[in-house]
């Protein structure tokens, strides 16, 4: 596979070279400033935002889908990580490609990308939990306090 064979080269290209070149080429940024902002500040912030999912989303938030497990719904984590803060849903329905009942709410940009790739034929066989099944699970093991606001 192309992406496995050239994984390191692609990583360097998409994480460092292109993000540094774009500000220099398109809006005349200095090379030093582009390297500092893109290779250090942006990279560190993005990595820490993604890594925060398994820290913060397992500690704080509400558990509407499964009240007995530790992962929770956390909107701040969703905002920082591009949609991965719906952790209670993700752990209750791990086969659902959206990782959230609400495909585009709660800052779920990841689902937007997957849906775009699906329209191009690059992503297929996408599975998701039906609204009826989600409602059934909430009724059995979920926090029924917010049940009516969850079912779409």
Protein backbone atom coordinates (compact mmCIF):
# COMPACT_ATOMS: atom_id res chain seq x y z
CA UNK A 1 0.00 0.00 0.00
CA UNK A 2 1.28 3.42 -0.98
CA UNK A 3 0.45 5.10 2.34
CA UNK A 4 2.21 2.37 4.36
CA UNK A 5 5.26 2.32 2.10
CA UNK A 6 5.76 6.10 2.31
CA UNK A 7 4.31 6.72 5.77
CA UNK A 8 7.28 8.70 7.15
CA UNK A 9 7.65 10.78 4.01
CA UNK A 10 3.93 11.59 3.91
CA UNK A 11 3.95 12.44 7.62
CA UNK A 12 6.79 14.91 7.20
CA UNK A 13 5.21 16.39 4.06
CA UNK A 14 1.69 16.89 5.48
CA UNK A 15 2.63 17.77 9.07
CA UNK A 16 5.58 20.06 8.48
CA UNK A 17 6.54 20.90 4.88
CA UNK A 18 3.14 21.90 3.45
CA UNK A 19 1.92 23.78 6.57
CA UNK A 20 5.20 25.72 6.60
CA UNK A 21 5.27 26.41 2.86
CA UNK A 22 1.69 27.67 2.55
CA UNK A 23 2.11 30.84 4.68
CA UNK A 24 5.48 31.60 3.09
CA UNK A 25 4.27 31.18 -0.51
CA UNK A 26 0.73 32.53 -0.31
CA UNK A 27 0.95 35.45 2.11
CA UNK A 28 4.62 36.30 2.35
CA UNK A 29 5.29 35.07 5.88
CA UNK A 30 8.90 34.76 6.92
CA UNK A 31 10.29 31.24 6.96
CA UNK A 32 11.25 31.51 10.65
CA UNK A 33 7.77 32.64 11.67
CA UNK A 34 6.12 29.92 9.56
CA UNK A 35 8.34 27.25 11.13
CA UNK A 36 7.65 28.50 14.65
CA UNK A 37 3.89 28.76 14.21
CA UNK A 38 3.30 25.64 12.09
CA UNK A 39 5.95 23.17 13.21
CA UNK A 40 5.92 23.98 16.89
CA UNK A 41 2.85 25.86 18.10
CA UNK A 42 0.22 24.34 15.76
CA UNK A 43 1.66 20.84 15.97
CA UNK A 44 1.87 20.85 19.77
CA UNK A 45 -1.64 22.28 20.18
CA UNK A 46 -3.19 19.78 17.76
CA UNK A 47 -1.46 16.80 19.34
CA UNK A 48 -2.45 17.83 22.84
CA UNK A 49 -6.03 18.46 21.70
CA UNK A 50 -6.26 14.96 20.24
CA UNK A 51 -4.56 13.36 23.24
CA UNK A 52 -6.99 15.11 25.58
CA UNK A 53 -9.83 12.90 24.35
CA UNK A 54 -8.89 9.92 26.48
CA UNK A 55 -8.11 12.11 29.46
CA UNK A 56 -10.90 14.65 29.70
CA UNK A 57 -13.67 12.70 27.96
CA UNK A 58 -13.19 9.85 30.42
CA UNK A 59 -13.39 12.17 33.42
CA UNK A 60 -15.90 14.97 32.87
CA UNK A 61 -19.24 15.18 31.13
CA UNK A 62 -22.59 13.45 31.12
CA UNK A 63 -23.25 9.80 30.29
CA UNK A 64 -26.59 9.70 28.47
CA UNK A 65 -26.12 6.47 26.53
CA UNK A 66 -24.50 4.26 29.18
CA UNK A 67 -24.42 5.57 32.74
CA UNK A 68 -22.25 2.74 34.11
CA UNK A 69 -19.14 3.28 31.97
CA UNK A 70 -16.51 5.95 32.52
CA UNK A 71 -16.41 7.69 29.07
CA UNK A 72 -18.61 10.80 28.88
CA UNK A 73 -19.93 13.37 26.40
CA UNK A 74 -17.72 16.46 26.54
CA UNK A 75 -18.41 19.40 24.19
CA UNK A 76 -15.09 21.14 24.88
CA UNK A 77 -13.17 18.02 23.86
CA UNK A 78 -15.35 17.80 20.73
CA UNK A 79 -14.46 21.36 19.81
CA UNK A 80 -10.72 20.88 20.37
CA UNK A 81 -10.45 17.47 18.72
CA UNK A 82 -12.80 17.91 15.77
CA UNK A 83 -15.67 15.80 17.05
CA UNK A 84 -14.19 13.07 19.21
CA UNK A 85 -15.73 14.28 22.48
CA UNK A 86 -18.87 12.16 22.17
CA UNK A 87 -17.05 9.44 24.00
CA UNK A 88 -20.01 7.89 25.84
CA UNK A 89 -21.75 7.33 22.50
CA UNK A 90 -18.54 6.01 20.93
CA UNK A 91 -17.99 3.43 23.68
CA UNK A 92 -21.67 2.40 23.73
CA UNK A 93 -21.90 2.03 19.92
CA UNK A 94 -18.29 1.41 18.79
CA UNK A 95 -19.28 0.29 15.28
CA UNK A 96 -20.94 3.62 14.42
CA UNK A 97 -18.63 5.50 12.09
CA UNK A 98 -19.91 8.89 13.27
CA UNK A 99 -18.80 8.35 16.90
CA UNK A 100 -21.78 10.55 17.79
CA UNK A 101 -25.54 10.35 17.51
CA UNK A 102 -25.58 13.83 16.02
CA UNK A 103 -23.46 13.67 12.87
CA UNK A 104 -22.71 17.40 12.57
CA UNK A 105 -23.61 18.91 15.92
CA UNK A 106 -21.17 18.98 18.81
CA UNK A 107 -18.40 20.10 16.42
CA UNK A 108 -18.11 16.72 14.67
CA UNK A 109 -15.90 17.70 11.74
CA UNK A 110 -14.56 14.15 11.44
CA UNK A 111 -17.98 12.93 10.30
CA UNK A 112 -18.11 15.68 7.69
CA UNK A 113 -14.82 14.42 6.22
CA UNK A 114 -15.93 10.79 6.27
CA UNK A 115 -19.24 11.72 4.60
CA UNK A 116 -17.37 13.69 1.93
CA UNK A 117 -15.09 10.71 1.26
CA UNK A 118 -18.15 8.47 1.13
CA UNK A 119 -19.71 10.65 -1.58
CA UNK A 120 -16.46 10.29 -3.57
CA UNK A 121 -16.48 6.53 -3.08
CA UNK A 122 -13.37 6.50 -0.88
CA UNK A 123 -15.28 5.44 2.26
CA UNK A 124 -17.95 2.76 2.12
CA UNK A 125 -19.83 0.21 4.22
CA UNK A 126 -20.39 2.86 6.87
CA UNK A 127 -22.33 1.47 9.82
CA UNK A 128 -24.41 3.44 12.28
CA UNK A 129 -26.81 2.73 15.11
CA UNK A 130 -30.48 3.24 14.23
CA UNK A 131 -32.45 5.84 16.23
CA UNK A 132 -34.70 3.04 17.50
CA UNK A 133 -31.72 1.08 18.80
CA UNK A 134 -30.20 4.18 20.41
CA UNK A 135 -33.51 4.86 22.17
CA UNK A 136 -33.70 1.25 23.36
CA UNK A 137 -30.18 1.38 24.80
CA UNK A 138 -30.85 4.70 26.53
CA UNK A 139 -33.98 3.17 28.05
CA UNK A 140 -32.04 0.17 29.37
CA UNK A 141 -28.67 1.52 30.52
CA UNK A 142 -28.61 5.23 29.76
CA UNK A 143 -29.20 8.30 31.88
CA UNK A 144 -32.92 8.81 31.25
CA UNK A 145 -32.79 12.40 32.53
CA UNK A 146 -31.96 13.82 29.07
CA UNK A 147 -33.54 11.07 26.97
CA UNK A 148 -36.01 13.26 25.04
CA UNK A 149 -33.28 15.69 23.95
CA UNK A 150 -31.07 12.89 22.61
CA UNK A 151 -33.32 10.99 20.24
CA UNK A 152 -33.51 12.55 16.79
